[in-house]
Amino acid sequence: MSDLISVAAPDGAVRAVTGMSGREYRSADGIYQMPSSDAAALVKAGGFRPSLGGLVRSAGYPCASCGFQSLFRLCSRCGHHN
């Protein structure tokens, strides 16, 4: 079997899709693991490859005093210099 590819349905409420191979895929979150041939067909029908990179760290400096994420070393919430 080929490698599986993650594809999201065009509508998040969709919980089952049928691939071009005739196989039915079910998902609780709208992201399906399927072979490349069925994944290509779902993308052509409006699906998309989801971003699975995780969380991105925000820019700036966390204040050691109040925890606010400021873009500058001087906290704009409490005035503490980081």
PDB file of N, CA and C in Angstrom:
ATOM      1  N   MET A   1       0.848  -1.188   0.000  1.00  0.00           N
ATOM      2  CA  MET A   1       0.000   0.000   0.000  1.00  0.00           C
ATOM      3  C   MET A   1       0.886   1.241   0.000  1.00  0.00           C
ATOM      4  N   SER A   2       0.472   2.254  -0.707  1.00  0.00           N
ATOM      5  CA  SER A   2       1.251   3.490  -0.800  1.00  0.00           C
ATOM      6  C   SER A   2       1.139   4.288   0.500  1.00  0.00           C
ATOM      7  N   ASP A   3       1.965   5.322   0.599  1.00  0.00           N
ATOM      8  CA  ASP A   3       1.919   6.196   1.767  1.00  0.00           C
ATOM      9  C   ASP A   3       0.590   6.925   1.814  1.00  0.00           C
ATOM     10  N   LEU A   4       0.110   7.154   3.022  1.00  0.00           N
ATOM     11  CA  LEU A   4      -1.153   7.860   3.195  1.00  0.00           C
ATOM     12  C   LEU A   4      -0.903   9.359   3.274  1.00  0.00           C
ATOM     13  N   ILE A   5      -1.841  10.118   2.740  1.00  0.00           N
ATOM     14  CA  ILE A   5      -1.757  11.576   2.690  1.00  0.00           C
ATOM     15  C   ILE A   5      -2.932  12.157   3.466  1.00  0.00           C
ATOM     16  N   SER A   6      -2.683  13.216   4.223  1.00  0.00           N
ATOM     17  CA  SER A   6      -3.745  13.901   4.960  1.00  0.00           C
ATOM     18  C   SER A   6      -4.421  14.909   4.045  1.00  0.00           C
ATOM     19  N   VAL A   7      -5.748  14.835   3.975  1.00  0.00           N
ATOM     20  CA  VAL A   7      -6.543  15.768   3.183  1.00  0.00           C
ATOM     21  C   VAL A   7      -7.749  16.177   4.007  1.00  0.00           C
ATOM     22  N   ALA A   8      -8.070  17.469   4.004  1.00  0.00           N
ATOM     23  CA  ALA A   8      -9.247  17.970   4.717  1.00  0.00           C
ATOM     24  C   ALA A   8     -10.391  18.129   3.726  1.00  0.00           C
ATOM     25  N   ALA A   9     -11.590  17.809   4.185  1.00  0.00           N
ATOM     26  CA  ALA A   9     -12.783  17.958   3.350  1.00  0.00           C
ATOM     27  C   ALA A   9     -13.094  19.435   3.162  1.00  0.00           C
ATOM     28  N   PRO A  10     -13.750  19.801   2.048  1.00  0.00           N
ATOM     29  CA  PRO A  10     -14.084  21.207   1.818  1.00  0.00           C
ATOM     30  C   PRO A  10     -15.006  21.790   2.883  1.00  0.00           C
ATOM     31  N   ASP A  11     -15.779  20.944   3.537  1.00  0.00           N
ATOM     32  CA  ASP A  11     -16.688  21.372   4.601  1.00  0.00           C
ATOM     33  C   ASP A  11     -16.340  20.587   5.852  1.00  0.00           C
ATOM     34  N   GLY A  12     -16.051  21.265   6.942  1.00  0.00           N
ATOM     35  CA  GLY A  12     -15.662  20.602   8.189  1.00  0.00           C
ATOM     36  C   GLY A  12     -16.737  19.712   8.782  1.00  0.00           C
ATOM     37  N   ALA A  13     -17.990  19.898   8.373  1.00  0.00           N
ATOM     38  CA  ALA A  13     -19.075  19.081   8.906  1.00  0.00           C
ATOM     39  C   ALA A  13     -19.150  17.706   8.236  1.00  0.00           C
ATOM     40  N   VAL A  14     -18.427  17.525   7.138  1.00  0.00           N
ATOM     41  CA  VAL A  14     -18.428  16.240   6.433  1.00  0.00           C
ATOM     42  C   VAL A  14     -17.662  15.232   7.271  1.00  0.00           C
ATOM     43  N   ARG A  15     -18.267  14.098   7.558  1.00  0.00           N
ATOM     44  CA  ARG A  15     -17.641  13.070   8.390  1.00  0.00           C
ATOM     45  C   ARG A  15     -17.304  11.797   7.633  1.00  0.00           C
ATOM     46  N   ALA A  16     -17.709  11.711   6.365  1.00  0.00           N
ATOM     47  CA  ALA A  16     -17.377  10.548   5.542  1.00  0.00           C
ATOM     48  C   ALA A  16     -17.315  10.971   4.085  1.00  0.00           C
ATOM     49  N   VAL A  17     -16.304  10.475   3.365  1.00  0.00           N
ATOM     50  CA  VAL A  17     -16.168  10.722   1.939  1.00  0.00           C
ATOM     51  C   VAL A  17     -15.876   9.398   1.254  1.00  0.00           C
ATOM     52  N   THR A  18     -16.290   9.284   0.006  1.00  0.00           N
ATOM     53  CA  THR A  18     -16.000   8.101  -0.791  1.00  0.00           C
ATOM     54  C   THR A  18     -14.982   8.484  -1.849  1.00  0.00           C
ATOM     55  N   GLY A  19     -13.853   7.758  -1.867  1.00  0.00           N
ATOM     56  CA  GLY A  19     -12.789   8.038  -2.814  1.00  0.00           C
ATOM     57  C   GLY A  19     -13.095   7.484  -4.189  1.00  0.00           C
ATOM     58  N   MET A  20     -12.269   7.845  -5.155  1.00  0.00           N
ATOM     59  CA  MET A  20     -12.437   7.349  -6.524  1.00  0.00           C
ATOM     60  C   MET A  20     -12.269   5.838  -6.591  1.00  0.00           C
ATOM     61  N   SER A  21     -11.567   5.265  -5.622  1.00  0.00           N
ATOM     62  CA  SER A  21     -11.369   3.817  -5.584  1.00  0.00           C
ATOM     63  C   SER A  21     -12.612   3.087  -5.087  1.00  0.00           C
ATOM     64  N   GLY A  22     -13.600   3.836  -4.590  1.00  0.00           N
ATOM     65  CA  GLY A  22     -14.814   3.234  -4.049  1.00  0.00           C
ATOM     66  C   GLY A  22     -14.764   3.021  -2.546  1.00  0.00           C
ATOM     67  N   ARG A  23     -13.603   3.245  -1.952  1.00  0.00           N
ATOM     68  CA  ARG A  23     -13.460   3.067  -0.509  1.00  0.00           C
ATOM     69  C   ARG A  23     -14.027   4.273   0.226  1.00  0.00           C
ATOM     70  N   GLU A  24     -14.711   4.007   1.345  1.00  0.00           N
ATOM     71  CA  GLU A  24     -15.266   5.097   2.155  1.00  0.00           C
ATOM     72  C   GLU A  24     -14.295   5.417   3.288  1.00  0.00           C
ATOM     73  N   TYR A  25     -14.050   6.697   3.491  1.00  0.00           N
ATOM     74  CA  TYR A  25     -13.167   7.170   4.555  1.00  0.00           C
ATOM     75  C   TYR A  25     -13.999   7.940   5.566  1.00  0.00           C
ATOM     76  N   ARG A  26     -13.780   7.652   6.848  1.00  0.00           N
ATOM     77  CA  ARG A  26     -14.507   8.329   7.928  1.00  0.00           C
ATOM     78  C   ARG A  26     -13.519   9.090   8.802  1.00  0.00           C
ATOM     79  N   SER A  27     -14.006  10.205   9.364  1.00  0.00           N
ATOM     80  CA  SER A  27     -13.159  11.037  10.210  1.00  0.00           C
ATOM     81  C   SER A  27     -14.016  11.772  11.223  1.00  0.00           C
ATOM     82  N   ALA A  28     -13.473  11.965  12.415  1.00  0.00           N
ATOM     83  CA  ALA A  28     -14.183  12.724  13.450  1.00  0.00           C
ATOM     84  C   ALA A  28     -13.910  14.219  13.348  1.00  0.00           C
ATOM     85  N   ASP A  29     -12.787  14.588  12.712  1.00  0.00           N
ATOM     86  CA  ASP A  29     -12.404  16.002  12.651  1.00  0.00           C
ATOM     87  C   ASP A  29     -12.349  16.586  11.242  1.00  0.00           C
ATOM     88  N   GLY A  30     -12.726  15.822  10.229  1.00  0.00           N
ATOM     89  CA  GLY A  30     -12.733  16.331   8.858  1.00  0.00           C
ATOM     90  C   GLY A  30     -11.424  16.183   8.127  1.00  0.00           C
ATOM     91  N   ILE A  31     -10.418  15.552   8.755  1.00  0.00           N
ATOM     92  CA  ILE A  31      -9.132  15.298   8.105  1.00  0.00           C
ATOM     93  C   ILE A  31      -9.023  13.804   7.853  1.00  0.00           C
ATOM     94  N   TYR A  32      -8.789  13.448   6.605  1.00  0.00           N
ATOM     95  CA  TYR A  32      -8.787  12.053   6.178  1.00  0.00           C
ATOM     96  C   TYR A  32      -7.390  11.603   5.793  1.00  0.00           C
ATOM     97  N   GLN A  33      -7.059  10.361   6.117  1.00  0.00           N
ATOM     98  CA  GLN A  33      -5.815   9.725   5.707  1.00  0.00           C
ATOM     99  C   GLN A  33      -6.163   8.799   4.550  1.00  0.00           C
ATOM    100  N   MET A  34      -5.617   9.060   3.362  1.00  0.00           N
ATOM    101  CA  MET A  34      -5.972   8.261   2.192  1.00  0.00           C
ATOM    102  C   MET A  34      -4.800   8.165   1.227  1.00  0.00           C
ATOM    103  N   PRO A  35      -4.820   7.165   0.341  1.00  0.00           N
ATOM    104  CA  PRO A  35      -3.766   7.045  -0.675  1.00  0.00           C
ATOM    105  C   PRO A  35      -3.783   8.244  -1.623  1.00  0.00           C
ATOM    106  N   SER A  36      -2.677   8.440  -2.332  1.00  0.00           N
ATOM    107  CA  SER A  36      -2.510   9.622  -3.173  1.00  0.00           C
ATOM    108  C   SER A  36      -3.574   9.746  -4.274  1.00  0.00           C
ATOM    109  N   SER A  37      -4.033   8.631  -4.845  1.00  0.00           N
ATOM    110  CA  SER A  37      -5.037   8.725  -5.915  1.00  0.00           C
ATOM    111  C   SER A  37      -6.365   9.273  -5.385  1.00  0.00           C
ATOM    112  N   ASP A  38      -6.815   8.793  -4.234  1.00  0.00           N
ATOM    113  CA  ASP A  38      -8.050   9.307  -3.644  1.00  0.00           C
ATOM    114  C   ASP A  38      -7.855  10.723  -3.102  1.00  0.00           C
ATOM    115  N   ALA A  39      -6.650  11.013  -2.576  1.00  0.00           N
ATOM    116  CA  ALA A  39      -6.367  12.357  -2.060  1.00  0.00           C
ATOM    117  C   ALA A  39      -6.406  13.380  -3.188  1.00  0.00           C
ATOM    118  N   ALA A  40      -5.848  13.044  -4.340  1.00  0.00           N
ATOM    119  CA  ALA A  40      -5.851  13.959  -5.477  1.00  0.00           C
ATOM    120  C   ALA A  40      -7.279  14.245  -5.944  1.00  0.00           C
ATOM    121  N   ALA A  41      -8.123  13.227  -5.921  1.00  0.00           N
ATOM    122  CA  ALA A  41      -9.517  13.417  -6.330  1.00  0.00           C
ATOM    123  C   ALA A  41     -10.260  14.312  -5.347  1.00  0.00           C
ATOM    124  N   LEU A  42     -10.000  14.146  -4.039  1.00  0.00           N
ATOM    125  CA  LEU A  42     -10.669  14.980  -3.035  1.00  0.00           C
ATOM    126  C   LEU A  42     -10.191  16.429  -3.139  1.00  0.00           C
ATOM    127  N   VAL A  43      -8.906  16.644  -3.397  1.00  0.00           N
ATOM    128  CA  VAL A  43      -8.390  18.007  -3.574  1.00  0.00           C
ATOM    129  C   VAL A  43      -9.017  18.645  -4.814  1.00  0.00           C
ATOM    130  N   LYS A  44      -9.159  17.878  -5.883  1.00  0.00           N
ATOM    131  CA  LYS A  44      -9.779  18.394  -7.106  1.00  0.00           C
ATOM    132  C   LYS A  44     -11.247  18.768  -6.861  1.00  0.00           C
ATOM    133  N   ALA A  45     -11.909  18.066  -5.926  1.00  0.00           N
ATOM    134  CA  ALA A  45     -13.310  18.331  -5.606  1.00  0.00           C
ATOM    135  C   ALA A  45     -13.477  19.467  -4.587  1.00  0.00           C
ATOM    136  N   GLY A  46     -12.360  20.069  -4.150  1.00  0.00           N
ATOM    137  CA  GLY A  46     -12.467  21.198  -3.226  1.00  0.00           C
ATOM    138  C   GLY A  46     -11.785  20.986  -1.894  1.00  0.00           C
ATOM    139  N   GLY A  47     -11.283  19.800  -1.639  1.00  0.00           N
ATOM    140  CA  GLY A  47     -10.557  19.541  -0.396  1.00  0.00           C
ATOM    141  C   GLY A  47      -9.208  20.245  -0.429  1.00  0.00           C
ATOM    142  N   PHE A  48      -8.477  20.191   0.667  1.00  0.00           N
ATOM    143  CA  PHE A  48      -7.173  20.849   0.719  1.00  0.00           C
ATOM    144  C   PHE A  48      -6.248  20.110   1.662  1.00  0.00           C
ATOM    145  N   ARG A  49      -4.952  20.307   1.460  1.00  0.00           N
ATOM    146  CA  ARG A  49      -3.942  19.717   2.337  1.00  0.00           C
ATOM    147  C   ARG A  49      -3.844  20.580   3.589  1.00  0.00           C
ATOM    148  N   PRO A  50      -4.135  20.035   4.767  1.00  0.00           N
ATOM    149  CA  PRO A  50      -4.100  20.839   5.993  1.00  0.00           C
ATOM    150  C   PRO A  50      -2.667  21.142   6.429  1.00  0.00           C
ATOM    151  N   SER A  51      -2.511  22.243   7.118  1.00  0.00           N
ATOM    152  CA  SER A  51      -1.222  22.600   7.692  1.00  0.00           C
ATOM    153  C   SER A  51      -1.081  21.850   9.007  1.00  0.00           C
ATOM    154  N   LEU A  52      -0.114  20.964   9.077  1.00  0.00           N
ATOM    155  CA  LEU A  52       0.071  20.155  10.278  1.00  0.00           C
ATOM    156  C   LEU A  52       1.351  20.533  11.007  1.00  0.00           C
ATOM    157  N   GLY A  53       1.781  21.772  10.830  1.00  0.00           N
ATOM    158  CA  GLY A  53       3.045  22.215  11.402  1.00  0.00           C
ATOM    159  C   GLY A  53       3.006  22.483  12.891  1.00  0.00           C
ATOM    160  N   GLY A  54       1.856  22.610  13.480  1.00  0.00           N
ATOM    161  CA  GLY A  54       1.764  22.900  14.902  1.00  0.00           C
ATOM    162  C   GLY A  54       1.704  24.388  15.195  1.00  0.00           C
ATOM    163  N   LEU A  55       1.933  24.722  16.427  1.00  0.00           N
ATOM    164  CA  LEU A  55       1.854  26.113  16.862  1.00  0.00           C
ATOM    165  C   LEU A  55       3.119  26.867  16.493  1.00  0.00           C
ATOM    166  N   VAL A  56       2.956  28.134  16.182  1.00  0.00           N
ATOM    167  CA  VAL A  56       4.072  28.999  15.857  1.00  0.00           C
ATOM    168  C   VAL A  56       4.287  29.943  17.023  1.00  0.00           C
ATOM    169  N   ARG A  57       5.528  30.075  17.442  1.00  0.00           N
ATOM    170  CA  ARG A  57       5.846  30.977  18.552  1.00  0.00           C
ATOM    171  C   ARG A  57       5.644  32.411  18.097  1.00  0.00           C
ATOM    172  N   SER A  58       4.985  33.192  18.929  1.00  0.00           N
ATOM    173  CA  SER A  58       4.727  34.592  18.579  1.00  0.00           C
ATOM    174  C   SER A  58       5.976  35.432  18.772  1.00  0.00           C
ATOM    175  N   ALA A  59       6.052  36.507  18.050  1.00  0.00           N
ATOM    176  CA  ALA A  59       7.199  37.403  18.131  1.00  0.00           C
ATOM    177  C   ALA A  59       7.092  38.269  19.374  1.00  0.00           C
ATOM    178  N   GLY A  60       8.203  38.759  19.829  1.00  0.00           N
ATOM    179  CA  GLY A  60       8.205  39.684  20.954  1.00  0.00           C
ATOM    180  C   GLY A  60       8.878  39.113  22.178  1.00  0.00           C
ATOM    181  N   TYR A  61       8.626  39.777  23.289  1.00  0.00           N
ATOM    182  CA  TYR A  61       9.278  39.447  24.542  1.00  0.00           C
ATOM    183  C   TYR A  61       8.227  39.226  25.635  1.00  0.00           C
ATOM    184  N   PRO A  62       8.196  38.065  26.263  1.00  0.00           N
ATOM    185  CA  PRO A  62       7.256  37.871  27.363  1.00  0.00           C
ATOM    186  C   PRO A  62       7.741  38.641  28.604  1.00  0.00           C
ATOM    187  N   CYS A  63       6.834  39.351  29.211  1.00  0.00           N
ATOM    188  CA  CYS A  63       7.177  40.133  30.398  1.00  0.00           C
ATOM    189  C   CYS A  63       7.385  39.198  31.589  1.00  0.00           C
ATOM    190  N   ALA A  64       8.504  39.362  32.268  1.00  0.00           N
ATOM    191  CA  ALA A  64       8.798  38.537  33.440  1.00  0.00           C
ATOM    192  C   ALA A  64       7.912  38.912  34.622  1.00  0.00           C
ATOM    193  N   SER A  65       7.354  40.111  34.617  1.00  0.00           N
ATOM    194  CA  SER A  65       6.539  40.592  35.724  1.00  0.00           C
ATOM    195  C   SER A  65       5.065  40.180  35.598  1.00  0.00           C
ATOM    196  N   CYS A  66       4.459  40.482  34.439  1.00  0.00           N
ATOM    197  CA  CYS A  66       3.015  40.227  34.304  1.00  0.00           C
ATOM    198  C   CYS A  66       2.680  39.144  33.278  1.00  0.00           C
ATOM    199  N   GLY A  67       3.669  38.699  32.460  1.00  0.00           N
ATOM    200  CA  GLY A  67       3.422  37.647  31.488  1.00  0.00           C
ATOM    201  C   GLY A  67       2.896  38.122  30.150  1.00  0.00           C
ATOM    202  N   PHE A  68       2.699  39.422  29.991  1.00  0.00           N
ATOM    203  CA  PHE A  68       2.190  39.966  28.734  1.00  0.00           C
ATOM    204  C   PHE A  68       3.231  39.801  27.635  1.00  0.00           C
ATOM    205  N   GLN A  69       2.796  39.450  26.424  1.00  0.00           N
ATOM    206  CA  GLN A  69       3.695  39.285  25.276  1.00  0.00           C
ATOM    207  C   GLN A  69       3.806  40.619  24.554  1.00  0.00           C
ATOM    208  N   SER A  70       4.876  41.362  24.821  1.00  0.00           N
ATOM    209  CA  SER A  70       5.068  42.686  24.240  1.00  0.00           C
ATOM    210  C   SER A  70       5.996  42.603  23.037  1.00  0.00           C
ATOM    211  N   LEU A  71       5.795  43.483  22.066  1.00  0.00           N
ATOM    212  CA  LEU A  71       6.682  43.535  20.914  1.00  0.00           C
ATOM    213  C   LEU A  71       7.978  44.268  21.232  1.00  0.00           C
ATOM    214  N   PHE A  72       8.016  44.969  22.351  1.00  0.00           N
ATOM    215  CA  PHE A  72       9.183  45.748  22.743  1.00  0.00           C
ATOM    216  C   PHE A  72       9.713  45.242  24.078  1.00  0.00           C
ATOM    217  N   ARG A  73      10.967  45.551  24.380  1.00  0.00           N
ATOM    218  CA  ARG A  73      11.551  45.101  25.649  1.00  0.00           C
ATOM    219  C   ARG A  73      10.873  45.774  26.850  1.00  0.00           C
ATOM    220  N   LEU A  74      10.366  46.980  26.667  1.00  0.00           N
ATOM    221  CA  LEU A  74       9.637  47.659  27.725  1.00  0.00           C
ATOM    222  C   LEU A  74       8.170  47.231  27.625  1.00  0.00           C
ATOM    223  N   CYS A  75       7.661  46.554  28.656  1.00  0.00           N
ATOM    224  CA  CYS A  75       6.290  46.034  28.631  1.00  0.00           C
ATOM    225  C   CYS A  75       5.289  47.188  28.554  1.00  0.00           C
ATOM    226  N   SER A  76       4.397  47.100  27.597  1.00  0.00           N
ATOM    227  CA  SER A  76       3.404  48.163  27.420  1.00  0.00           C
ATOM    228  C   SER A  76       2.246  48.041  28.402  1.00  0.00           C
ATOM    229  N   ARG A  77       2.154  46.931  29.127  1.00  0.00           N
ATOM    230  CA  ARG A  77       1.091  46.752  30.112  1.00  0.00           C
ATOM    231  C   ARG A  77       1.499  47.244  31.494  1.00  0.00           C
ATOM    232  N   CYS A  78       2.702  46.811  31.976  1.00  0.00           N
ATOM    233  CA  CYS A  78       3.072  47.167  33.349  1.00  0.00           C
ATOM    234  C   CYS A  78       4.320  48.045  33.440  1.00  0.00           C
ATOM    235  N   GLY A  79       5.044  48.231  32.311  1.00  0.00           N
ATOM    236  CA  GLY A  79       6.201  49.096  32.320  1.00  0.00           C
ATOM    237  C   GLY A  79       7.510  48.426  32.730  1.00  0.00           C
ATOM    238  N   HIS A  80       7.480  47.139  33.004  1.00  0.00           N
ATOM    239  CA  HIS A  80       8.696  46.404  33.398  1.00  0.00           C
ATOM    240  C   HIS A  80       9.651  46.292  32.216  1.00  0.00           C
ATOM    241  N   HIS A  81      10.959  46.484  32.459  1.00  0.00           N
ATOM    242  CA  HIS A  81      11.944  46.362  31.391  1.00  0.00           C
ATOM    243  C   HIS A  81      12.464  44.917  31.355  1.00  0.00           C
ATOM    244  N   ASN A  82      12.315  44.247  30.229  1.00  0.00           N
ATOM    245  CA  ASN A  82      12.729  42.846  30.070  1.00  0.00           C
ATOM    246  C   ASN A  82      14.120  42.766  29.479  1.00  0.00           C
TER     247      ASN A  82
END
